[in-house]
PDB file of N, CA and C in Angstrom:
ATOM      1  N   MET A   1     150.895 189.386 119.440  1.00  0.00           N
ATOM      2  CA  MET A   1     149.842 189.412 120.404  1.00  0.00           C
ATOM      3  C   MET A   1     148.783 188.407 119.994  1.00  0.00           C
ATOM      4  N   TYR A   2     148.253 187.726 120.976  1.00  0.00           N
ATOM      5  CA  TYR A   2     147.170 186.802 120.699  1.00  0.00           C
ATOM      6  C   TYR A   2     146.087 186.955 121.753  1.00  0.00           C
ATOM      7  N   VAL A   3     144.873 186.625 121.342  1.00  0.00           N
ATOM      8  CA  VAL A   3     143.699 186.733 122.202  1.00  0.00           C
ATOM      9  C   VAL A   3     143.133 185.334 122.376  1.00  0.00           C
ATOM     10  N   VAL A   4     142.842 184.961 123.620  1.00  0.00           N
ATOM     11  CA  VAL A   4     142.311 183.623 123.897  1.00  0.00           C
ATOM     12  C   VAL A   4     141.161 183.709 124.890  1.00  0.00           C
ATOM     13  N   ARG A   5     140.280 182.733 124.809  1.00  0.00           N
ATOM     14  CA  ARG A   5     139.205 182.606 125.786  1.00  0.00           C
ATOM     15  C   ARG A   5     139.670 181.613 126.846  1.00  0.00           C
ATOM     16  N   ILE A   6     139.608 182.043 128.092  1.00  0.00           N
ATOM     17  CA  ILE A   6     139.929 181.184 129.224  1.00  0.00           C
ATOM     18  C   ILE A   6     138.682 181.125 130.103  1.00  0.00           C
ATOM     19  N   PRO A   7     138.648 180.252 131.096  1.00  0.00           N
ATOM     20  CA  PRO A   7     137.428 180.127 131.906  1.00  0.00           C
ATOM     21  C   PRO A   7     136.920 181.449 132.497  1.00  0.00           C
ATOM     22  N   SER A   8     137.797 182.377 132.807  1.00  0.00           N
ATOM     23  CA  SER A   8     137.362 183.638 133.413  1.00  0.00           C
ATOM     24  C   SER A   8     137.009 184.720 132.389  1.00  0.00           C
ATOM     25  N   GLY A   9     137.124 184.409 131.112  1.00  0.00           N
ATOM     26  CA  GLY A   9     136.781 185.387 130.075  1.00  0.00           C
ATOM     27  C   GLY A   9     137.816 185.430 128.971  1.00  0.00           C
ATOM     28  N   ILE A  10     137.831 186.532 128.257  1.00  0.00           N
ATOM     29  CA  ILE A  10     138.770 186.703 127.146  1.00  0.00           C
ATOM     30  C   ILE A  10     139.963 187.498 127.654  1.00  0.00           C
ATOM     31  N   THR A  11     141.150 187.042 127.313  1.00  0.00           N
ATOM     32  CA  THR A  11     142.371 187.741 127.708  1.00  0.00           C
ATOM     33  C   THR A  11     143.303 187.810 126.507  1.00  0.00           C
ATOM     34  N   ALA A  12     144.246 188.710 126.547  1.00  0.00           N
ATOM     35  CA  ALA A  12     145.209 188.875 125.464  1.00  0.00           C
ATOM     36  C   ALA A  12     146.617 188.799 126.038  1.00  0.00           C
ATOM     37  N   MET A  13     147.566 188.384 125.208  1.00  0.00           N
ATOM     38  CA  MET A  13     148.961 188.238 125.624  1.00  0.00           C
ATOM     39  C   MET A  13     149.856 188.815 124.543  1.00  0.00           C
ATOM     40  N   ALA A  14     150.757 189.673 124.947  1.00  0.00           N
ATOM     41  CA  ALA A  14     151.740 190.244 124.027  1.00  0.00           C
ATOM     42  C   ALA A  14     153.117 189.699 124.396  1.00  0.00           C
ATOM     43  N   GLU A  15     153.805 189.175 123.404  1.00  0.00           N
ATOM     44  CA  GLU A  15     155.143 188.620 123.621  1.00  0.00           C
ATOM     45  C   GLU A  15     156.026 188.945 122.436  1.00  0.00           C
ATOM     46  N   ASP A  16     157.307 188.994 122.679  1.00  0.00           N
ATOM     47  CA  ASP A  16     158.305 189.101 121.618  1.00  0.00           C
ATOM     48  C   ASP A  16     158.156 190.342 120.746  1.00  0.00           C
ATOM     49  N   PHE A  17     157.763 191.462 121.348  1.00  0.00           N
ATOM     50  CA  PHE A  17     157.759 192.726 120.617  1.00  0.00           C
ATOM     51  C   PHE A  17     159.188 193.249 120.615  1.00  0.00           C
ATOM     52  N   LEU A  18     159.680 193.621 119.461  1.00  0.00           N
ATOM     53  CA  LEU A  18     161.057 194.086 119.361  1.00  0.00           C
ATOM     54  C   LEU A  18     161.134 195.186 118.326  1.00  0.00           C
ATOM     55  N   VAL A  19     161.838 196.242 118.662  1.00  0.00           N
ATOM     56  CA  VAL A  19     162.110 197.314 117.719  1.00  0.00           C
ATOM     57  C   VAL A  19     163.624 197.327 117.485  1.00  0.00           C
ATOM     58  N   TYR A  20     164.016 197.255 116.237  1.00  0.00           N
ATOM     59  CA  TYR A  20     165.436 197.266 115.911  1.00  0.00           C
ATOM     60  C   TYR A  20     166.092 198.565 116.379  1.00  0.00           C
ATOM     61  N   ASP A  21     167.358 198.468 116.740  1.00  0.00           N
ATOM     62  CA  ASP A  21     168.103 199.602 117.278  1.00  0.00           C
ATOM     63  C   ASP A  21     167.954 200.864 116.426  1.00  0.00           C
ATOM     64  N   ASP A  22     168.027 200.738 115.117  1.00  0.00           N
ATOM     65  CA  ASP A  22     167.968 201.899 114.224  1.00  0.00           C
ATOM     66  C   ASP A  22     166.643 202.658 114.320  1.00  0.00           C
ATOM     67  N   TYR A  23     165.592 202.014 114.828  1.00  0.00           N
ATOM     68  CA  TYR A  23     164.263 202.624 114.871  1.00  0.00           C
ATOM     69  C   TYR A  23     163.806 202.970 116.278  1.00  0.00           C
ATOM     70  N   ARG A  24     164.672 202.764 117.243  1.00  0.00           N
ATOM     71  CA  ARG A  24     164.318 203.122 118.613  1.00  0.00           C
ATOM     72  C   ARG A  24     164.353 204.639 118.770  1.00  0.00           C
ATOM     73  N   LYS A  25     163.591 205.121 119.685  1.00  0.00           N
ATOM     74  CA  LYS A  25     163.432 206.555 119.969  1.00  0.00           C
ATOM     75  C   LYS A  25     162.590 207.263 118.909  1.00  0.00           C
ATOM     76  N   TRP A  26     161.932 206.522 118.025  1.00  0.00           N
ATOM     77  CA  TRP A  26     161.047 207.108 117.013  1.00  0.00           C
ATOM     78  C   TRP A  26     159.583 206.948 117.396  1.00  0.00           C
ATOM     79  N   GLY A  27     159.317 206.277 118.509  1.00  0.00           N
ATOM     80  CA  GLY A  27     157.940 206.044 118.919  1.00  0.00           C
ATOM     81  C   GLY A  27     157.329 204.788 118.334  1.00  0.00           C
ATOM     82  N   VAL A  28     158.147 203.961 117.689  1.00  0.00           N
ATOM     83  CA  VAL A  28     157.641 202.741 117.051  1.00  0.00           C
ATOM     84  C   VAL A  28     157.112 201.764 118.095  1.00  0.00           C
ATOM     85  N   GLY A  29     157.833 201.583 119.190  1.00  0.00           N
ATOM     86  CA  GLY A  29     157.397 200.670 120.239  1.00  0.00           C
ATOM     87  C   GLY A  29     156.065 201.098 120.830  1.00  0.00           C
ATOM     88  N   ARG A  30     155.914 202.382 121.075  1.00  0.00           N
ATOM     89  CA  ARG A  30     154.649 202.896 121.606  1.00  0.00           C
ATOM     90  C   ARG A  30     153.520 202.651 120.612  1.00  0.00           C
ATOM     91  N   MET A  31     153.778 202.893 119.324  1.00  0.00           N
ATOM     92  CA  MET A  31     152.738 202.663 118.315  1.00  0.00           C
ATOM     93  C   MET A  31     152.338 201.195 118.256  1.00  0.00           C
ATOM     94  N   LEU A  32     153.313 200.291 118.335  1.00  0.00           N
ATOM     95  CA  LEU A  32     153.015 198.859 118.335  1.00  0.00           C
ATOM     96  C   LEU A  32     152.136 198.482 119.518  1.00  0.00           C
ATOM     97  N   MET A  33     152.506 198.979 120.696  1.00  0.00           N
ATOM     98  CA  MET A  33     151.747 198.638 121.895  1.00  0.00           C
ATOM     99  C   MET A  33     150.365 199.277 121.876  1.00  0.00           C
ATOM    100  N   GLU A  34     150.246 200.502 121.398  1.00  0.00           N
ATOM    101  CA  GLU A  34     148.923 201.140 121.293  1.00  0.00           C
ATOM    102  C   GLU A  34     148.019 200.333 120.365  1.00  0.00           C
ATOM    103  N   HIS A  35     148.587 199.851 119.262  1.00  0.00           N
ATOM    104  CA  HIS A  35     147.811 199.023 118.331  1.00  0.00           C
ATOM    105  C   HIS A  35     147.380 197.718 119.009  1.00  0.00           C
ATOM    106  N   ALA A  36     148.291 197.100 119.757  1.00  0.00           N
ATOM    107  CA  ALA A  36     147.970 195.851 120.465  1.00  0.00           C
ATOM    108  C   ALA A  36     146.863 196.094 121.495  1.00  0.00           C
ATOM    109  N   ILE A  37     146.943 197.197 122.224  1.00  0.00           N
ATOM    110  CA  ILE A  37     145.920 197.520 123.224  1.00  0.00           C
ATOM    111  C   ILE A  37     144.572 197.722 122.550  1.00  0.00           C
ATOM    112  N   ASP A  38     144.563 198.495 121.469  1.00  0.00           N
ATOM    113  CA  ASP A  38     143.314 198.740 120.735  1.00  0.00           C
ATOM    114  C   ASP A  38     142.713 197.439 120.216  1.00  0.00           C
ATOM    115  N   LEU A  39     143.549 196.584 119.660  1.00  0.00           N
ATOM    116  CA  LEU A  39     143.075 195.312 119.115  1.00  0.00           C
ATOM    117  C   LEU A  39     142.516 194.419 120.222  1.00  0.00           C
ATOM    118  N   ALA A  40     143.218 194.356 121.348  1.00  0.00           N
ATOM    119  CA  ALA A  40     142.734 193.547 122.476  1.00  0.00           C
ATOM    120  C   ALA A  40     141.378 194.051 122.962  1.00  0.00           C
ATOM    121  N   GLU A  41     141.222 195.366 123.035  1.00  0.00           N
ATOM    122  CA  GLU A  41     139.935 195.938 123.457  1.00  0.00           C
ATOM    123  C   GLU A  41     138.830 195.569 122.463  1.00  0.00           C
ATOM    124  N   LYS A  42     139.114 195.689 121.173  1.00  0.00           N
ATOM    125  CA  LYS A  42     138.121 195.373 120.146  1.00  0.00           C
ATOM    126  C   LYS A  42     137.709 193.908 120.180  1.00  0.00           C
ATOM    127  N   LYS A  43     138.632 193.049 120.577  1.00  0.00           N
ATOM    128  CA  LYS A  43     138.347 191.616 120.664  1.00  0.00           C
ATOM    129  C   LYS A  43     137.639 191.246 121.965  1.00  0.00           C
ATOM    130  N   GLY A  44     137.441 192.216 122.849  1.00  0.00           N
ATOM    131  CA  GLY A  44     136.717 191.966 124.089  1.00  0.00           C
ATOM    132  C   GLY A  44     137.563 191.455 125.238  1.00  0.00           C
ATOM    133  N   ALA A  45     138.877 191.598 125.130  1.00  0.00           N
ATOM    134  CA  ALA A  45     139.754 191.113 126.202  1.00  0.00           C
ATOM    135  C   ALA A  45     139.579 191.946 127.462  1.00  0.00           C
ATOM    136  N   ARG A  46     139.604 191.270 128.600  1.00  0.00           N
ATOM    137  CA  ARG A  46     139.518 191.948 129.897  1.00  0.00           C
ATOM    138  C   ARG A  46     140.880 192.457 130.339  1.00  0.00           C
ATOM    139  N   HIS A  47     141.945 191.851 129.813  1.00  0.00           N
ATOM    140  CA  HIS A  47     143.312 192.204 130.186  1.00  0.00           C
ATOM    141  C   HIS A  47     144.210 192.048 128.967  1.00  0.00           C
ATOM    142  N   LEU A  48     145.294 192.777 128.969  1.00  0.00           N
ATOM    143  CA  LEU A  48     146.389 192.528 128.032  1.00  0.00           C
ATOM    144  C   LEU A  48     147.610 192.277 128.894  1.00  0.00           C
ATOM    145  N   ASN A  49     148.055 191.044 128.887  1.00  0.00           N
ATOM    146  CA  ASN A  49     149.258 190.673 129.631  1.00  0.00           C
ATOM    147  C   ASN A  49     150.458 190.838 128.719  1.00  0.00           C
ATOM    148  N   LEU A  50     151.566 191.207 129.295  1.00  0.00           N
ATOM    149  CA  LEU A  50     152.787 191.447 128.544  1.00  0.00           C
ATOM    150  C   LEU A  50     153.936 190.770 129.269  1.00  0.00           C
ATOM    151  N   ARG A  51     154.702 190.007 128.531  1.00  0.00           N
ATOM    152  CA  ARG A  51     155.871 189.346 129.119  1.00  0.00           C
ATOM    153  C   ARG A  51     157.115 189.887 128.427  1.00  0.00           C
ATOM    154  N   THR A  52     158.084 190.325 129.226  1.00  0.00           N
ATOM    155  CA  THR A  52     159.337 190.839 128.692  1.00  0.00           C
ATOM    156  C   THR A  52     160.455 190.565 129.689  1.00  0.00           C
ATOM    157  N   SER A  53     161.648 190.672 129.231  1.00  0.00           N
ATOM    158  CA  SER A  53     162.806 190.452 130.092  1.00  0.00           C
ATOM    159  C   SER A  53     163.052 191.673 130.968  1.00  0.00           C
ATOM    160  N   SER A  54     163.443 191.434 132.200  1.00  0.00           N
ATOM    161  CA  SER A  54     163.781 192.546 133.098  1.00  0.00           C
ATOM    162  C   SER A  54     165.036 193.267 132.615  1.00  0.00           C
ATOM    163  N   LYS A  55     165.808 192.632 131.750  1.00  0.00           N
ATOM    164  CA  LYS A  55     167.030 193.236 131.204  1.00  0.00           C
ATOM    165  C   LYS A  55     166.719 194.342 130.194  1.00  0.00           C
ATOM    166  N   ARG A  56     165.511 194.357 129.663  1.00  0.00           N
ATOM    167  CA  ARG A  56     165.120 195.357 128.667  1.00  0.00           C
ATOM    168  C   ARG A  56     164.595 196.599 129.385  1.00  0.00           C
ATOM    169  N   ILE A  57     165.514 197.343 129.963  1.00  0.00           N
ATOM    170  CA  ILE A  57     165.173 198.451 130.858  1.00  0.00           C
ATOM    171  C   ILE A  57     164.328 199.510 130.158  1.00  0.00           C
ATOM    172  N   GLU A  58     164.726 199.965 128.983  1.00  0.00           N
ATOM    173  CA  GLU A  58     163.967 201.010 128.294  1.00  0.00           C
ATOM    174  C   GLU A  58     162.569 200.528 127.918  1.00  0.00           C
ATOM    175  N   ALA A  59     162.463 199.282 127.486  1.00  0.00           N
ATOM    176  CA  ALA A  59     161.151 198.731 127.134  1.00  0.00           C
ATOM    177  C   ALA A  59     160.262 198.672 128.371  1.00  0.00           C
ATOM    178  N   ASN A  60     160.814 198.235 129.495  1.00  0.00           N
ATOM    179  CA  ASN A  60     160.042 198.170 130.732  1.00  0.00           C
ATOM    180  C   ASN A  60     159.587 199.553 131.172  1.00  0.00           C
ATOM    181  N   GLN A  61     160.422 200.553 130.984  1.00  0.00           N
ATOM    182  CA  GLN A  61     160.031 201.920 131.322  1.00  0.00           C
ATOM    183  C   GLN A  61     158.881 202.386 130.432  1.00  0.00           C
ATOM    184  N   LEU A  62     158.939 202.050 129.153  1.00  0.00           N
ATOM    185  CA  LEU A  62     157.856 202.405 128.236  1.00  0.00           C
ATOM    186  C   LEU A  62     156.552 201.767 128.682  1.00  0.00           C
ATOM    187  N   TYR A  63     156.586 200.474 128.988  1.00  0.00           N
ATOM    188  CA  TYR A  63     155.363 199.770 129.382  1.00  0.00           C
ATOM    189  C   TYR A  63     154.763 200.387 130.645  1.00  0.00           C
ATOM    190  N   THR A  64     155.609 200.759 131.594  1.00  0.00           N
ATOM    191  CA  THR A  64     155.130 201.391 132.818  1.00  0.00           C
ATOM    192  C   THR A  64     154.490 202.741 132.506  1.00  0.00           C
ATOM    193  N   ARG A  65     155.140 203.535 131.651  1.00  0.00           N
ATOM    194  CA  ARG A  65     154.570 204.833 131.272  1.00  0.00           C
ATOM    195  C   ARG A  65     153.230 204.674 130.561  1.00  0.00           C
ATOM    196  N   MET A  66     153.057 203.553 129.868  1.00  0.00           N
ATOM    197  CA  MET A  66     151.816 203.321 129.143  1.00  0.00           C
ATOM    198  C   MET A  66     150.700 202.784 130.038  1.00  0.00           C
ATOM    199  N   GLY A  67     151.016 202.496 131.298  1.00  0.00           N
ATOM    200  CA  GLY A  67     149.984 202.053 132.228  1.00  0.00           C
ATOM    201  C   GLY A  67     150.016 200.582 132.586  1.00  0.00           C
ATOM    202  N   PHE A  68     150.999 199.850 132.068  1.00  0.00           N
ATOM    203  CA  PHE A  68     151.136 198.445 132.465  1.00  0.00           C
ATOM    204  C   PHE A  68     151.657 198.388 133.892  1.00  0.00           C
ATOM    205  N   HIS A  69     151.222 197.388 134.648  1.00  0.00           N
ATOM    206  CA  HIS A  69     151.657 197.192 136.026  1.00  0.00           C
ATOM    207  C   HIS A  69     152.393 195.866 136.114  1.00  0.00           C
ATOM    208  N   LEU A  70     153.464 195.839 136.884  1.00  0.00           N
ATOM    209  CA  LEU A  70     154.192 194.594 137.110  1.00  0.00           C
ATOM    210  C   LEU A  70     153.298 193.663 137.907  1.00  0.00           C
ATOM    211  N   HIS A  71     153.082 192.488 137.378  1.00  0.00           N
ATOM    212  CA  HIS A  71     152.207 191.496 137.998  1.00  0.00           C
ATOM    213  C   HIS A  71     153.071 190.312 138.408  1.00  0.00           C
ATOM    214  N   ILE A  72     153.239 190.128 139.675  1.00  0.00           N
ATOM    215  CA  ILE A  72     154.095 189.057 140.179  1.00  0.00           C
ATOM    216  C   ILE A  72     153.342 187.733 140.096  1.00  0.00           C
ATOM    217  N   THR A  73     153.971 186.768 139.469  1.00  0.00           N
ATOM    218  CA  THR A  73     153.381 185.442 139.339  1.00  0.00           C
ATOM    219  C   THR A  73     154.499 184.415 139.218  1.00  0.00           C
ATOM    220  N   ASN A  74     154.156 183.186 139.422  1.00  0.00           N
ATOM    221  CA  ASN A  74     155.117 182.106 139.191  1.00  0.00           C
ATOM    222  C   ASN A  74     155.013 181.700 137.734  1.00  0.00           C
ATOM    223  N   PHE A  75     156.101 181.758 137.042  1.00  0.00           N
ATOM    224  CA  PHE A  75     156.139 181.394 135.635  1.00  0.00           C
ATOM    225  C   PHE A  75     157.061 180.195 135.517  1.00  0.00           C
ATOM    226  N   TYR A  76     156.511 179.085 135.105  1.00  0.00           N
ATOM    227  CA  TYR A  76     157.287 177.851 135.006  1.00  0.00           C
ATOM    228  C   TYR A  76     157.495 177.482 133.554  1.00  0.00           C
ATOM    229  N   ARG A  77     158.575 176.766 133.285  1.00  0.00           N
ATOM    230  CA  ARG A  77     158.873 176.323 131.934  1.00  0.00           C
ATOM    231  C   ARG A  77     159.520 174.949 132.001  1.00  0.00           C
ATOM    232  N   ILE A  78     159.199 174.138 131.029  1.00  0.00           N
ATOM    233  CA  ILE A  78     159.897 172.868 130.856  1.00  0.00           C
ATOM    234  C   ILE A  78     160.417 172.862 129.427  1.00  0.00           C
ATOM    235  N   ASN A  79     161.672 172.516 129.277  1.00  0.00           N
ATOM    236  CA  ASN A  79     162.255 172.437 127.934  1.00  0.00           C
ATOM    237  C   ASN A  79     161.863 171.126 127.285  1.00  0.00           C
ATOM    238  N   LEU A  80     161.507 171.190 126.030  1.00  0.00           N
ATOM    239  CA  LEU A  80     161.101 170.010 125.278  1.00  0.00           C
ATOM    240  C   LEU A  80     162.000 169.848 124.057  1.00  0.00           C
ATOM    241  N   PRO A  81     162.280 168.688 123.619  1.00  0.00           N
ATOM    242  CA  PRO A  81     161.858 167.436 124.225  1.00  0.00           C
ATOM    243  C   PRO A  81     162.588 167.191 125.537  1.00  0.00           C
ATOM    244  N   ARG A  82     161.886 166.499 126.441  1.00  0.00           N
ATOM    245  CA  ARG A  82     162.517 166.178 127.716  1.00  0.00           C
ATOM    246  C   ARG A  82     163.605 165.131 127.484  1.00  0.00           C
ATOM    247  N   THR A  83     164.691 165.314 128.159  1.00  0.00           N
ATOM    248  CA  THR A  83     165.782 164.351 128.060  1.00  0.00           C
ATOM    249  C   THR A  83     165.938 163.629 129.375  1.00  0.00           C
ATOM    250  N   GLN A  84     166.369 162.413 129.305  1.00  0.00           N
ATOM    251  CA  GLN A  84     166.529 161.595 130.513  1.00  0.00           C
ATOM    252  C   GLN A  84     167.809 161.888 131.199  1.00  0.00           C
TER     253      GLN A  84
END
């Protein structure tokens, strides 16, 4: 998770959170996200954005239960280095 200042204020972004299979169903993912939320709040972030794959069904269910909302946006990527 990282916190950045953008023109509209301070925001936070969580990416690449992963719990190994052996530790799933122990509440580790929830604890990680609760810590990230607390940290973002302490840093003054107005939002905590989270990016994850739609294929991670259980993780997406956890995020929804925790109060995250699906935010539809256009997400673009360019692979680097660019090749001709």
